[in-house]
Amino acid sequence: MTAYLLERAWVDGAFHDDVLVEIANGRFATVATATNPQDPRRAGESVRVPGLTIPGLANCHSHAFHRALRGRTQRERGSFWTWREQMYAVAEHLDPDLCLALARATYREMASAGITGVGEFHYLHHQLDGTPYADPNEMGLALVQAAREAGIRITLLDACYLSSGFGAPPEGVQRRYADRDAAAWADRVAGLGGFEKVGAAIHSVRAVPADQLGEVVAAAAGRPLHVHLSEQVAENEACAAAYGVTPTRLLHDHGALGPGTTAVHATHLTGDDIRLLGGAGAHACFCPTTERDLGDGIGPSRRLHDAGARLTLGSDSHAVIDLFEEMRAVELDERLATQRRGHWSAAELLAAGTATGHASLGWADAGEIAVGERADLVTLDAASVRTAGTGRDEGTVVFAATAEDITQVMVDGRIVVRQGDREQIARELDEAIARVWERVKE
């Protein structure tokens, strides 16, 4: 058993001074605050951790290979659809070995940003012509291995992708994404094993025809089910033309909405859509840095919450990997949309980035500093040029701090990031991404 004395830590929804935690087998065995006093002798034997400490963060929506696009796709005008063509160019050139290298470096960057669990929305399944690898899950397993080597937990959200759009056959690189039908997808996913969390995903209502949705829902029973939802107005219009309903209504009518469902983006919703998602108790994963980078729009985060949906956060395309930025962007985007301030409290946003996020990925035992929970700890410098003088509380964490302020990260009781690690992580990113672009230019 190892003991740590946390100078100031977020426990039971508030910051406390001198919190003693004891860790055994990767979980908190003791959490003692001033209202639950510790034995002074035990505190004296502990390792002191200065700064502000919070639970581990959950990145609920990731496409790891998109990290190769940062700083490149922003150089031109265009839209989501022109960005997608640039993303496809990268997707054409990844094999399992390069996928592993790029994902491992990306997950190490996530770890350095305080992310202890990631939901990887995985659709890059097959070889370029659509032929499965010898192991049809080889690409997915490369992502699992990358997360293990980076030291973070992964929920592999294996995505069903069958169509280039509302029944049209896959084209070009999309053949890498596609299984024959939902039954073939379910058979392939059933072969995944050997690690703790396999979830499921409906890529979008564009990519999974309505008559295939029920098969995906049935195969996902008891597991997290994520779906890209209404990210673009064009998707809504095409869905209305094909089926006469919104994407949300289509998912509802085929049993795809429930407490285990996460609607990713949920940007362009009707009032009825909001009621359906809220009534189902679904999660709504907002990815503000990607949504603004792609010009997607601003989703109705507070209205979804008030209807009963639960907010989570993701870095999606990794234009930025900084969950503190995602947290505050939810509030700041609401201010832009409504011209009013004060929609989300710092405590609500911190909960979205920790306990709620982990639960949406199937980790109900993570995201809190509490006895029995997984021992994830993220410590921030409370006296950096960004955080100095900001109150040393949740307002500091959400509205002042950045990933650069993190000094130490623990996952399941193991320290995976220390001060000074970022230079090595940067080198790994540089090397992996250089390999990607060498192939793209060949």
Foldseek 3Di string as FASTA:
>chain_A
DAKEFEQWEQAPLWIAGGWIFDADQQFTADTAGPVRDDDVVVSVVHHYDYFYKFFFFEAEEAAQQLQLCAPPLLPDDDFLVVVVVVVLLLLLQDDLVLLLLSLLLSLLVLVLQRHQEYEYADQQFDHQQLHADPLSRSNVVSNCVSNVVSRHHYAYAQEAFAAPFQPHGDDGSCSSRHDPALVRVLVSQVPDDDDDHYAYEHAFCGGHPLVRLLSRQVSRPPHAYEYAAPLAPVNQVRCCVNPVHGRLVSCVVSPNAALLYEHEQQADDDPVSLLSNQVRLYEYEYQVVVSVSRVRHQHPVLSSVVSHHAYAYHNYSPSDSKLLCRLVSNQVSVCVVPVDHDRDDLSSSLCRRFQVSCVSRVQNQGRHRDGPRRPKMWGFHCPDPQNNPVPSISCSSNVTDTSVRTAWIDGSRRTSDHPPCVVVSVVSNVVSSVVSVVSSVD
